[in-house]
Amino acid sequence: MDTDATLAAHEDQLEADLATLTASPPEGENLSFGKRIGDGTSLAVDRLSAVAVQEQLLDTLTQVRRARARVADGTYGTCEVCGEPIPAARLEARPWAARCVRHA
């Protein structure tokens, strides 16, 4: 398994997902909070829901970039708290993990 390639692919996907989330609404779409539920209101609610998703994507992107830096400096795969190896199963499930399960 090429860890850096896996992390790079995940980083690219996260950046693409963020670009989709932060794209401007198509011309003519109206985001409003009127008294009646309509297209504008549901679009606005969708945008508000996307904020939480965006925050999660940004957090994961930061973790992926930190993991790539650990690959480069040779510290990838060791817990940043206790220094013990992170189990392979954890790294397979979450390649950007910086801590063992005990310290997660």
C-alpha atoms as a PDB file:
ATOM      1  CA  MET A   1       0.000   0.000   0.000  1.00  0.00           C
ATOM      2  CA  ASP A   2       1.406   3.402  -1.002  1.00  0.00           C
ATOM      3  CA  THR A   3       0.305   5.488   1.956  1.00  0.00           C
ATOM      4  CA  ASP A   4       1.179   8.857   0.459  1.00  0.00           C
ATOM      5  CA  ALA A   5      -0.710   8.063  -2.755  1.00  0.00           C
ATOM      6  CA  THR A   6      -3.752   6.981  -0.731  1.00  0.00           C
ATOM      7  CA  LEU A   7      -3.596  10.171   1.324  1.00  0.00           C
ATOM      8  CA  ALA A   8      -3.045  12.306  -1.796  1.00  0.00           C
ATOM      9  CA  ALA A   9      -6.118  10.777  -3.452  1.00  0.00           C
ATOM     10  CA  HIS A  10      -8.170  11.425  -0.324  1.00  0.00           C
ATOM     11  CA  GLU A  11      -6.875  15.015  -0.189  1.00  0.00           C
ATOM     12  CA  ASP A  12      -7.910  15.555  -3.828  1.00  0.00           C
ATOM     13  CA  GLN A  13     -11.385  14.167  -3.139  1.00  0.00           C
ATOM     14  CA  LEU A  14     -11.835  16.373  -0.067  1.00  0.00           C
ATOM     15  CA  GLU A  15     -10.776  19.451  -2.048  1.00  0.00           C
ATOM     16  CA  ALA A  16     -13.267  18.555  -4.804  1.00  0.00           C
ATOM     17  CA  ASP A  17     -16.046  18.047  -2.252  1.00  0.00           C
ATOM     18  CA  LEU A  18     -15.240  21.405  -0.654  1.00  0.00           C
ATOM     19  CA  ALA A  19     -15.273  23.135  -4.048  1.00  0.00           C
ATOM     20  CA  THR A  20     -18.726  21.714  -4.719  1.00  0.00           C
ATOM     21  CA  LEU A  21     -20.023  22.816  -1.323  1.00  0.00           C
ATOM     22  CA  THR A  22     -18.644  26.334  -1.565  1.00  0.00           C
ATOM     23  CA  ALA A  23     -19.658  26.989  -5.163  1.00  0.00           C
ATOM     24  CA  SER A  24     -21.966  29.938  -5.703  1.00  0.00           C
ATOM     25  CA  PRO A  25     -25.582  29.032  -6.334  1.00  0.00           C
ATOM     26  CA  PRO A  26     -26.591  29.040  -9.986  1.00  0.00           C
ATOM     27  CA  GLU A  27     -27.702  32.392 -11.356  1.00  0.00           C
ATOM     28  CA  GLY A  28     -31.300  33.071 -10.537  1.00  0.00           C
ATOM     29  CA  GLU A  29     -31.512  30.899  -7.421  1.00  0.00           C
ATOM     30  CA  ASN A  30     -32.859  32.936  -4.590  1.00  0.00           C
ATOM     31  CA  LEU A  31     -31.791  32.184  -1.012  1.00  0.00           C
ATOM     32  CA  SER A  32     -34.338  33.683   1.337  1.00  0.00           C
ATOM     33  CA  PHE A  33     -36.055  32.965   4.621  1.00  0.00           C
ATOM     34  CA  GLY A  34     -39.606  33.986   3.880  1.00  0.00           C
ATOM     35  CA  LYS A  35     -42.696  33.198   5.889  1.00  0.00           C
ATOM     36  CA  ARG A  36     -43.738  30.541   3.438  1.00  0.00           C
ATOM     37  CA  ILE A  37     -41.774  27.450   2.688  1.00  0.00           C
ATOM     38  CA  GLY A  38     -40.719  27.522  -0.908  1.00  0.00           C
ATOM     39  CA  ASP A  39     -37.776  26.855  -3.143  1.00  0.00           C
ATOM     40  CA  GLY A  40     -35.782  29.755  -1.697  1.00  0.00           C
ATOM     41  CA  THR A  41     -36.331  28.619   1.876  1.00  0.00           C
ATOM     42  CA  SER A  42     -35.394  25.018   1.195  1.00  0.00           C
ATOM     43  CA  LEU A  43     -32.271  26.163  -0.676  1.00  0.00           C
ATOM     44  CA  ALA A  44     -31.295  28.316   2.291  1.00  0.00           C
ATOM     45  CA  VAL A  45     -31.805  25.408   4.691  1.00  0.00           C
ATOM     46  CA  ASP A  46     -29.693  23.201   2.413  1.00  0.00           C
ATOM     47  CA  ARG A  47     -26.914  25.793   2.485  1.00  0.00           C
ATOM     48  CA  LEU A  48     -27.034  25.994   6.280  1.00  0.00           C
ATOM     49  CA  SER A  49     -26.800  22.199   6.497  1.00  0.00           C
ATOM     50  CA  ALA A  50     -23.798  22.313   4.186  1.00  0.00           C
ATOM     51  CA  VAL A  51     -21.912  24.482   6.700  1.00  0.00           C
ATOM     52  CA  ALA A  52     -21.583  21.572   9.138  1.00  0.00           C
ATOM     53  CA  VAL A  53     -20.465  19.275   6.329  1.00  0.00           C
ATOM     54  CA  GLN A  54     -17.931  21.886   5.193  1.00  0.00           C
ATOM     55  CA  GLU A  55     -16.464  22.164   8.692  1.00  0.00           C
ATOM     56  CA  GLN A  56     -16.071  18.378   8.872  1.00  0.00           C
ATOM     57  CA  LEU A  57     -14.423  18.256   5.439  1.00  0.00           C
ATOM     58  CA  LEU A  58     -12.011  21.047   6.385  1.00  0.00           C
ATOM     59  CA  ASP A  59     -11.082  19.242   9.600  1.00  0.00           C
ATOM     60  CA  THR A  60     -10.458  15.981   7.755  1.00  0.00           C
ATOM     61  CA  LEU A  61      -8.457  17.792   5.067  1.00  0.00           C
ATOM     62  CA  THR A  62      -6.212  19.273   7.772  1.00  0.00           C
ATOM     63  CA  GLN A  63      -5.699  15.817   9.274  1.00  0.00           C
ATOM     64  CA  VAL A  64      -4.874  14.314   5.857  1.00  0.00           C
ATOM     65  CA  ARG A  65      -2.308  17.045   5.171  1.00  0.00           C
ATOM     66  CA  ARG A  66      -0.723  16.474   8.586  1.00  0.00           C
ATOM     67  CA  ALA A  67      -0.566  12.732   7.866  1.00  0.00           C
ATOM     68  CA  ARG A  68       1.197  13.416   4.557  1.00  0.00           C
ATOM     69  CA  ALA A  69       3.717  15.561   6.437  1.00  0.00           C
ATOM     70  CA  ARG A  70       4.274  12.663   8.884  1.00  0.00           C
ATOM     71  CA  VAL A  71       4.881  10.320   5.934  1.00  0.00           C
ATOM     72  CA  ALA A  72       7.478  12.766   4.631  1.00  0.00           C
ATOM     73  CA  ASP A  73       9.266  13.133   7.975  1.00  0.00           C
ATOM     74  CA  GLY A  74       9.115   9.431   8.862  1.00  0.00           C
ATOM     75  CA  THR A  75       6.789   9.666  11.860  1.00  0.00           C
ATOM     76  CA  TYR A  76       3.698   8.280  10.121  1.00  0.00           C
ATOM     77  CA  GLY A  77       2.136   5.316  11.888  1.00  0.00           C
ATOM     78  CA  THR A  78       3.192   6.231  15.413  1.00  0.00           C
ATOM     79  CA  CYS A  79       0.839   7.720  17.993  1.00  0.00           C
ATOM     80  CA  GLU A  80       1.571  11.401  18.547  1.00  0.00           C
ATOM     81  CA  VAL A  81       0.731  10.984  22.253  1.00  0.00           C
ATOM     82  CA  CYS A  82       2.450   7.770  23.387  1.00  0.00           C
ATOM     83  CA  GLY A  83       4.795   7.071  20.473  1.00  0.00           C
ATOM     84  CA  GLU A  84       3.541   3.490  20.101  1.00  0.00           C
ATOM     85  CA  PRO A  85       2.749   2.118  16.630  1.00  0.00           C
ATOM     86  CA  ILE A  86      -0.799   2.733  15.429  1.00  0.00           C
ATOM     87  CA  PRO A  87      -2.349  -0.647  14.511  1.00  0.00           C
ATOM     88  CA  ALA A  88      -2.443  -1.370  10.777  1.00  0.00           C
ATOM     89  CA  ALA A  89      -6.213  -1.943  10.879  1.00  0.00           C
ATOM     90  CA  ARG A  90      -6.745   1.577  12.235  1.00  0.00           C
ATOM     91  CA  LEU A  91      -4.488   3.096   9.583  1.00  0.00           C
ATOM     92  CA  GLU A  92      -6.265   1.102   6.899  1.00  0.00           C
ATOM     93  CA  ALA A  93      -9.652   2.398   8.064  1.00  0.00           C
ATOM     94  CA  ARG A  94      -8.409   5.922   8.738  1.00  0.00           C
ATOM     95  CA  PRO A  95      -5.083   6.547   6.985  1.00  0.00           C
ATOM     96  CA  TRP A  96      -4.835  10.040   8.484  1.00  0.00           C
ATOM     97  CA  ALA A  97      -5.047   8.778  12.092  1.00  0.00           C
ATOM     98  CA  ALA A  98      -2.401  10.436  14.256  1.00  0.00           C
ATOM     99  CA  ARG A  99      -3.236   8.637  17.473  1.00  0.00           C
ATOM    100  CA  CYS A 100      -3.771   5.074  18.602  1.00  0.00           C
ATOM    101  CA  VAL A 101      -7.282   4.082  19.663  1.00  0.00           C
ATOM    102  CA  ARG A 102      -6.424   4.562  23.341  1.00  0.00           C
ATOM    103  CA  HIS A 103      -5.508   8.222  22.739  1.00  0.00           C
ATOM    104  CA  ALA A 104      -8.025   9.019  19.992  1.00  0.00           C
END
